[in-house]
Amino acid sequence: LALYNAANDNFITFRNNKNDKYATLCSR
């Protein structure tokens, strides 16, 4: 999962600390 930071043209990402995996909105 990523949040777009329009002010700096970069991204904030999010981890699931319990499993040390990235969270995600969807998958294919």
PDB file of all heavy atoms in Angstrom:
ATOM      1  N   LEU A   1       0.823  -1.199   0.000  1.00  0.00           N
ATOM      2  CA  LEU A   1       0.000   0.000   0.000  1.00  0.00           C
ATOM      3  C   LEU A   1       0.861   1.254   0.000  1.00  0.00           C
ATOM      4  O   LEU A   1       1.856   1.336   0.715  1.00  0.00           O
ATOM      5  CB  LEU A   1      -0.898  -0.012   1.245  1.00  0.00           C
ATOM      6  CG  LEU A   1      -1.768   1.210   1.524  1.00  0.00           C
ATOM      7  CD1 LEU A   1      -2.827   1.372   0.452  1.00  0.00           C
ATOM      8  CD2 LEU A   1      -2.427   1.059   2.899  1.00  0.00           C
ATOM      9  N   ALA A   2       0.455   2.249  -0.805  1.00  0.00           N
ATOM     10  CA  ALA A   2       1.204   3.505  -0.884  1.00  0.00           C
ATOM     11  C   ALA A   2       0.242   4.680  -0.893  1.00  0.00           C
ATOM     12  O   ALA A   2      -0.832   4.627  -1.489  1.00  0.00           O
ATOM     13  CB  ALA A   2       2.087   3.532  -2.121  1.00  0.00           C
ATOM     14  N   LEU A   3       0.649   5.750  -0.236  1.00  0.00           N
ATOM     15  CA  LEU A   3      -0.069   7.024  -0.246  1.00  0.00           C
ATOM     16  C   LEU A   3       0.775   8.026  -1.016  1.00  0.00           C
ATOM     17  O   LEU A   3       1.942   8.264  -0.672  1.00  0.00           O
ATOM     18  CB  LEU A   3      -0.310   7.510   1.187  1.00  0.00           C
ATOM     19  CG  LEU A   3      -0.883   8.927   1.355  1.00  0.00           C
ATOM     20  CD1 LEU A   3      -2.272   9.038   0.728  1.00  0.00           C
ATOM     21  CD2 LEU A   3      -0.936   9.316   2.829  1.00  0.00           C
ATOM     22  N   TYR A   4       0.206   8.608  -2.056  1.00  0.00           N
ATOM     23  CA  TYR A   4       0.939   9.584  -2.873  1.00  0.00           C
ATOM     24  C   TYR A   4       1.019  10.922  -2.156  1.00  0.00           C
ATOM     25  O   TYR A   4       0.004  11.474  -1.726  1.00  0.00           O
ATOM     26  CB  TYR A   4       0.243   9.745  -4.219  1.00  0.00           C
ATOM     27  CG  TYR A   4       0.813  10.847  -5.082  1.00  0.00           C
ATOM     28  CD1 TYR A   4       2.160  10.870  -5.418  1.00  0.00           C
ATOM     29  CD2 TYR A   4      -0.012  11.867  -5.564  1.00  0.00           C
ATOM     30  CE1 TYR A   4       2.675  11.884  -6.217  1.00  0.00           C
ATOM     31  CE2 TYR A   4       0.482  12.876  -6.366  1.00  0.00           C
ATOM     32  CZ  TYR A   4       1.832  12.892  -6.685  1.00  0.00           C
ATOM     33  OH  TYR A   4       2.342  13.892  -7.475  1.00  0.00           O
ATOM     34  N   ASN A   5       2.226  11.434  -2.012  1.00  0.00           N
ATOM     35  CA  ASN A   5       2.477  12.735  -1.405  1.00  0.00           C
ATOM     36  C   ASN A   5       2.670  13.743  -2.530  1.00  0.00           C
ATOM     37  O   ASN A   5       3.753  13.866  -3.104  1.00  0.00           O
ATOM     38  CB  ASN A   5       3.728  12.670  -0.521  1.00  0.00           C
ATOM     39  CG  ASN A   5       4.008  13.980   0.199  1.00  0.00           C
ATOM     40  OD1 ASN A   5       3.468  15.025  -0.146  1.00  0.00           O
ATOM     41  ND2 ASN A   5       4.857  13.912   1.217  1.00  0.00           N
ATOM     42  N   ALA A   6       1.585  14.461  -2.870  1.00  0.00           N
ATOM     43  CA  ALA A   6       1.620  15.367  -4.014  1.00  0.00           C
ATOM     44  C   ALA A   6       2.570  16.544  -3.798  1.00  0.00           C
ATOM     45  O   ALA A   6       3.147  17.065  -4.760  1.00  0.00           O
ATOM     46  CB  ALA A   6       0.214  15.875  -4.308  1.00  0.00           C
ATOM     47  N   ALA A   7       2.744  16.960  -2.555  1.00  0.00           N
ATOM     48  CA  ALA A   7       3.604  18.111  -2.281  1.00  0.00           C
ATOM     49  C   ALA A   7       5.057  17.828  -2.645  1.00  0.00           C
ATOM     50  O   ALA A   7       5.774  18.709  -3.143  1.00  0.00           O
ATOM     51  CB  ALA A   7       3.495  18.507  -0.802  1.00  0.00           C
ATOM     52  N   ASN A   8       5.497  16.599  -2.397  1.00  0.00           N
ATOM     53  CA  ASN A   8       6.894  16.244  -2.651  1.00  0.00           C
ATOM     54  C   ASN A   8       7.071  15.262  -3.807  1.00  0.00           C
ATOM     55  O   ASN A   8       8.206  14.855  -4.103  1.00  0.00           O
ATOM     56  CB  ASN A   8       7.513  15.641  -1.386  1.00  0.00           C
ATOM     57  CG  ASN A   8       7.531  16.610  -0.233  1.00  0.00           C
ATOM     58  OD1 ASN A   8       7.760  17.799  -0.412  1.00  0.00           O
ATOM     59  ND2 ASN A   8       7.260  16.116   0.972  1.00  0.00           N
ATOM     60  N   ASP A   9       5.977  14.879  -4.444  1.00  0.00           N
ATOM     61  CA  ASP A   9       6.032  13.893  -5.524  1.00  0.00           C
ATOM     62  C   ASP A   9       6.732  12.611  -5.077  1.00  0.00           C
ATOM     63  O   ASP A   9       7.599  12.074  -5.785  1.00  0.00           O
ATOM     64  CB  ASP A   9       6.729  14.472  -6.767  1.00  0.00           C
ATOM     65  CG  ASP A   9       5.738  15.116  -7.733  1.00  0.00           C
ATOM     66  OD1 ASP A   9       4.521  14.867  -7.581  1.00  0.00           O
ATOM     67  OD2 ASP A   9       6.177  15.856  -8.621  1.00  0.00           O
ATOM     68  N   ASN A  10       6.363  12.145  -3.893  1.00  0.00           N
ATOM     69  CA  ASN A  10       6.888  10.854  -3.443  1.00  0.00           C
ATOM     70  C   ASN A  10       5.786  10.091  -2.723  1.00  0.00           C
ATOM     71  O   ASN A  10       4.607  10.481  -2.797  1.00  0.00           O
ATOM     72  CB  ASN A  10       8.147  11.029  -2.585  1.00  0.00           C
ATOM     73  CG  ASN A  10       7.902  11.862  -1.333  1.00  0.00           C
ATOM     74  OD1 ASN A  10       6.757  12.044  -0.903  1.00  0.00           O
ATOM     75  ND2 ASN A  10       8.958  12.371  -0.757  1.00  0.00           N
ATOM     76  N   PHE A  11       6.139   9.024  -2.004  1.00  0.00           N
ATOM     77  CA  PHE A  11       5.131   8.115  -1.472  1.00  0.00           C
ATOM     78  C   PHE A  11       5.426   7.743  -0.027  1.00  0.00           C
ATOM     79  O   PHE A  11       6.590   7.636   0.379  1.00  0.00           O
ATOM     80  CB  PHE A  11       5.062   6.844  -2.326  1.00  0.00           C
ATOM     81  CG  PHE A  11       4.704   7.111  -3.753  1.00  0.00           C
ATOM     82  CD1 PHE A  11       5.691   7.433  -4.673  1.00  0.00           C
ATOM     83  CD2 PHE A  11       3.384   7.077  -4.166  1.00  0.00           C
ATOM     84  CE1 PHE A  11       5.368   7.703  -5.998  1.00  0.00           C
ATOM     85  CE2 PHE A  11       3.049   7.352  -5.484  1.00  0.00           C
ATOM     86  CZ  PHE A  11       4.040   7.667  -6.397  1.00  0.00           C
ATOM     87  N   ILE A  12       4.356   7.560   0.716  1.00  0.00           N
ATOM     88  CA  ILE A  12       4.438   6.993   2.059  1.00  0.00           C
ATOM     89  C   ILE A  12       3.938   5.555   1.949  1.00  0.00           C
ATOM     90  O   ILE A  12       2.863   5.298   1.408  1.00  0.00           O
ATOM     91  CB  ILE A  12       3.569   7.786   3.052  1.00  0.00           C
ATOM     92  CG1 ILE A  12       4.007   9.253   3.092  1.00  0.00           C
ATOM     93  CG2 ILE A  12       3.629   7.170   4.444  1.00  0.00           C
ATOM     94  CD1 ILE A  12       3.038  10.161   3.830  1.00  0.00           C
ATOM     95  N   THR A  13       4.726   4.610   2.428  1.00  0.00           N
ATOM     96  CA  THR A  13       4.326   3.209   2.359  1.00  0.00           C
ATOM     97  C   THR A  13       4.004   2.697   3.763  1.00  0.00           C
ATOM     98  O   THR A  13       4.425   3.282   4.764  1.00  0.00           O
ATOM     99  CB  THR A  13       5.427   2.345   1.725  1.00  0.00           C
ATOM    100  OG1 THR A  13       6.626   2.478   2.485  1.00  0.00           O
ATOM    101  CG2 THR A  13       5.698   2.788   0.294  1.00  0.00           C
ATOM    102  N   PHE A  14       3.268   1.594   3.817  1.00  0.00           N
ATOM    103  CA  PHE A  14       2.779   1.071   5.083  1.00  0.00           C
ATOM    104  C   PHE A  14       3.104  -0.410   5.195  1.00  0.00           C
ATOM    105  O   PHE A  14       2.901  -1.186   4.263  1.00  0.00           O
ATOM    106  CB  PHE A  14       1.261   1.284   5.199  1.00  0.00           C
ATOM    107  CG  PHE A  14       0.870   2.732   5.156  1.00  0.00           C
ATOM    108  CD1 PHE A  14       0.688   3.376   3.941  1.00  0.00           C
ATOM    109  CD2 PHE A  14       0.718   3.462   6.326  1.00  0.00           C
ATOM    110  CE1 PHE A  14       0.333   4.715   3.883  1.00  0.00           C
ATOM    111  CE2 PHE A  14       0.376   4.803   6.283  1.00  0.00           C
ATOM    112  CZ  PHE A  14       0.179   5.434   5.068  1.00  0.00           C
ATOM    113  N   ARG A  15       3.626  -0.785   6.391  1.00  0.00           N
ATOM    114  CA  ARG A  15       3.966  -2.171   6.665  1.00  0.00           C
ATOM    115  C   ARG A  15       3.047  -2.739   7.739  1.00  0.00           C
ATOM    116  O   ARG A  15       2.598  -2.027   8.631  1.00  0.00           O
ATOM    117  CB  ARG A  15       5.414  -2.297   7.152  1.00  0.00           C
ATOM    118  CG  ARG A  15       6.463  -2.100   6.086  1.00  0.00           C
ATOM    119  CD  ARG A  15       7.845  -2.326   6.674  1.00  0.00           C
ATOM    120  NE  ARG A  15       8.896  -2.116   5.708  1.00  0.00           N
ATOM    121  CZ  ARG A  15       9.374  -3.055   4.905  1.00  0.00           C
ATOM    122  NH1 ARG A  15       8.871  -4.270   4.967  1.00  0.00           N
ATOM    123  NH2 ARG A  15      10.327  -2.798   4.041  1.00  0.00           N
ATOM    124  N   ASN A  16       2.812  -4.019   7.644  1.00  0.00           N
ATOM    125  CA  ASN A  16       2.157  -4.758   8.708  1.00  0.00           C
ATOM    126  C   ASN A  16       3.266  -5.287   9.608  1.00  0.00           C
ATOM    127  O   ASN A  16       3.954  -6.244   9.261  1.00  0.00           O
ATOM    128  CB  ASN A  16       1.323  -5.901   8.113  1.00  0.00           C
ATOM    129  CG  ASN A  16       0.564  -6.678   9.164  1.00  0.00           C
ATOM    130  OD1 ASN A  16       0.993  -6.774  10.311  1.00  0.00           O
ATOM    131  ND2 ASN A  16      -0.559  -7.246   8.761  1.00  0.00           N
ATOM    132  N   ASN A  17       3.471  -4.648  10.746  1.00  0.00           N
ATOM    133  CA  ASN A  17       4.608  -5.008  11.597  1.00  0.00           C
ATOM    134  C   ASN A  17       4.544  -6.441  12.104  1.00  0.00           C
ATOM    135  O   ASN A  17       5.562  -7.093  12.296  1.00  0.00           O
ATOM    136  CB  ASN A  17       4.692  -4.046  12.785  1.00  0.00           C
ATOM    137  CG  ASN A  17       5.049  -2.634  12.341  1.00  0.00           C
ATOM    138  OD1 ASN A  17       5.785  -2.460  11.389  1.00  0.00           O
ATOM    139  ND2 ASN A  17       4.507  -1.642  13.027  1.00  0.00           N
ATOM    140  N   LYS A  18       3.322  -6.933  12.302  1.00  0.00           N
ATOM    141  CA  LYS A  18       3.183  -8.277  12.840  1.00  0.00           C
ATOM    142  C   LYS A  18       3.768  -9.325  11.907  1.00  0.00           C
ATOM    143  O   LYS A  18       4.462 -10.251  12.320  1.00  0.00           O
ATOM    144  CB  LYS A  18       1.706  -8.585  13.113  1.00  0.00           C
ATOM    145  CG  LYS A  18       1.464  -9.965  13.707  1.00  0.00           C
ATOM    146  CD  LYS A  18      -0.013 -10.186  13.988  1.00  0.00           C
ATOM    147  CE  LYS A  18      -0.257 -11.573  14.565  1.00  0.00           C
ATOM    148  NZ  LYS A  18      -1.699 -11.801  14.839  1.00  0.00           N
ATOM    149  N   ASN A  19       3.485  -9.158  10.603  1.00  0.00           N
ATOM    150  CA  ASN A  19       3.947 -10.139   9.636  1.00  0.00           C
ATOM    151  C   ASN A  19       5.112  -9.624   8.803  1.00  0.00           C
ATOM    152  O   ASN A  19       5.630 -10.322   7.946  1.00  0.00           O
ATOM    153  CB  ASN A  19       2.804 -10.539   8.698  1.00  0.00           C
ATOM    154  CG  ASN A  19       1.675 -11.223   9.433  1.00  0.00           C
ATOM    155  OD1 ASN A  19       1.905 -12.078  10.271  1.00  0.00           O
ATOM    156  ND2 ASN A  19       0.447 -10.833   9.128  1.00  0.00           N
ATOM    157  N   ASP A  20       5.494  -8.362   9.047  1.00  0.00           N
ATOM    158  CA  ASP A  20       6.574  -7.731   8.297  1.00  0.00           C
ATOM    159  C   ASP A  20       6.317  -7.791   6.796  1.00  0.00           C
ATOM    160  O   ASP A  20       7.196  -8.019   5.991  1.00  0.00           O
ATOM    161  CB  ASP A  20       7.920  -8.380   8.607  1.00  0.00           C
ATOM    162  CG  ASP A  20       9.092  -7.485   8.166  1.00  0.00           C
ATOM    163  OD1 ASP A  20       8.928  -6.258   8.163  1.00  0.00           O
ATOM    164  OD2 ASP A  20      10.134  -8.020   7.809  1.00  0.00           O
ATOM    165  N   LYS A  21       5.042  -7.566   6.425  1.00  0.00           N
ATOM    166  CA  LYS A  21       4.676  -7.522   5.039  1.00  0.00           C
ATOM    167  C   LYS A  21       3.924  -6.220   4.781  1.00  0.00           C
ATOM    168  O   LYS A  21       3.331  -5.643   5.673  1.00  0.00           O
ATOM    169  CB  LYS A  21       3.792  -8.713   4.656  1.00  0.00           C
ATOM    170  CG  LYS A  21       4.488 -10.051   4.727  1.00  0.00           C
ATOM    171  CD  LYS A  21       3.520 -11.154   4.333  1.00  0.00           C
ATOM    172  CE  LYS A  21       4.196 -12.517   4.394  1.00  0.00           C
ATOM    173  NZ  LYS A  21       3.256 -13.608   4.040  1.00  0.00           N
ATOM    174  N   TYR A  22       3.968  -5.787   3.540  1.00  0.00           N
ATOM    175  CA  TYR A  22       3.229  -4.584   3.184  1.00  0.00           C
ATOM    176  C   TYR A  22       1.727  -4.839   3.231  1.00  0.00           C
ATOM    177  O   TYR A  22       1.267  -5.918   2.860  1.00  0.00           O
ATOM    178  CB  TYR A  22       3.613  -4.107   1.776  1.00  0.00           C
ATOM    179  CG  TYR A  22       4.949  -3.431   1.691  1.00  0.00           C
ATOM    180  CD1 TYR A  22       6.048  -4.094   1.155  1.00  0.00           C
ATOM    181  CD2 TYR A  22       5.119  -2.132   2.160  1.00  0.00           C
ATOM    182  CE1 TYR A  22       7.285  -3.476   1.077  1.00  0.00           C
ATOM    183  CE2 TYR A  22       6.351  -1.512   2.091  1.00  0.00           C
ATOM    184  CZ  TYR A  22       7.431  -2.178   1.548  1.00  0.00           C
ATOM    185  OH  TYR A  22       8.643  -1.574   1.471  1.00  0.00           O
ATOM    186  N   ALA A  23       1.001  -3.832   3.677  1.00  0.00           N
ATOM    187  CA  ALA A  23      -0.449  -3.890   3.538  1.00  0.00           C
ATOM    188  C   ALA A  23      -0.787  -3.639   2.080  1.00  0.00           C
ATOM    189  O   ALA A  23      -0.001  -3.117   1.329  1.00  0.00           O
ATOM    190  CB  ALA A  23      -1.087  -2.816   4.429  1.00  0.00           C
ATOM    191  N   THR A  24      -1.984  -4.018   1.690  1.00  0.00           N
ATOM    192  CA  THR A  24      -2.364  -3.819   0.289  1.00  0.00           C
ATOM    193  C   THR A  24      -3.841  -3.544   0.178  1.00  0.00           C
ATOM    194  O   THR A  24      -4.636  -3.979   0.992  1.00  0.00           O
ATOM    195  CB  THR A  24      -1.981  -5.025  -0.585  1.00  0.00           C
ATOM    196  OG1 THR A  24      -2.214  -4.699  -1.951  1.00  0.00           O
ATOM    197  CG2 THR A  24      -2.786  -6.256  -0.210  1.00  0.00           C
ATOM    198  N   LEU A  25      -4.209  -2.775  -0.844  1.00  0.00           N
ATOM    199  CA  LEU A  25      -5.604  -2.493  -1.099  1.00  0.00           C
ATOM    200  C   LEU A  25      -6.275  -3.593  -1.897  1.00  0.00           C
ATOM    201  O   LEU A  25      -7.432  -3.914  -1.699  1.00  0.00           O
ATOM    202  CB  LEU A  25      -5.710  -1.191  -1.911  1.00  0.00           C
ATOM    203  CG  LEU A  25      -5.577   0.121  -1.155  1.00  0.00           C
ATOM    204  CD1 LEU A  25      -5.488   1.273  -2.136  1.00  0.00           C
ATOM    205  CD2 LEU A  25      -6.749   0.325  -0.225  1.00  0.00           C
ATOM    206  N   CYS A  26      -5.552  -4.165  -2.822  1.00  0.00           N
ATOM    207  CA  CYS A  26      -6.143  -5.167  -3.688  1.00  0.00           C
ATOM    208  C   CYS A  26      -5.029  -5.953  -4.338  1.00  0.00           C
ATOM    209  O   CYS A  26      -3.879  -5.584  -4.258  1.00  0.00           O
ATOM    210  CB  CYS A  26      -7.022  -4.530  -4.762  1.00  0.00           C
ATOM    211  SG  CYS A  26      -6.116  -3.410  -5.849  1.00  0.00           S
ATOM    212  N   SER A  27      -5.396  -7.032  -4.975  1.00  0.00           N
ATOM    213  CA  SER A  27      -4.400  -7.823  -5.696  1.00  0.00           C
ATOM    214  C   SER A  27      -5.039  -8.468  -6.890  1.00  0.00           C
ATOM    215  O   SER A  27      -6.252  -8.543  -7.002  1.00  0.00           O
ATOM    216  CB  SER A  27      -3.791  -8.893  -4.780  1.00  0.00           C
ATOM    217  OG  SER A  27      -4.793  -9.778  -4.340  1.00  0.00           O
ATOM    218  N   ARG A  28      -4.231  -8.895  -7.817  1.00  0.00           N
ATOM    219  CA  ARG A  28      -4.720  -9.564  -9.021  1.00  0.00           C
ATOM    220  C   ARG A  28      -3.925 -10.821  -9.236  1.00  0.00           C
ATOM    221  O   ARG A  28      -2.777 -10.903  -8.888  1.00  0.00           O
ATOM    222  CB  ARG A  28      -4.603  -8.649 -10.251  1.00  0.00           C
ATOM    223  CG  ARG A  28      -5.544  -7.439 -10.195  1.00  0.00           C
ATOM    224  CD  ARG A  28      -5.382  -6.601 -11.445  1.00  0.00           C
ATOM    225  NE  ARG A  28      -6.155  -5.396 -11.338  1.00  0.00           N
ATOM    226  CZ  ARG A  28      -7.329  -5.202 -11.893  1.00  0.00           C
ATOM    227  NH1 ARG A  28      -7.898  -6.158 -12.570  1.00  0.00           N
ATOM    228  NH2 ARG A  28      -7.971  -4.058 -11.776  1.00  0.00           N
TER     229      ARG A  28
END
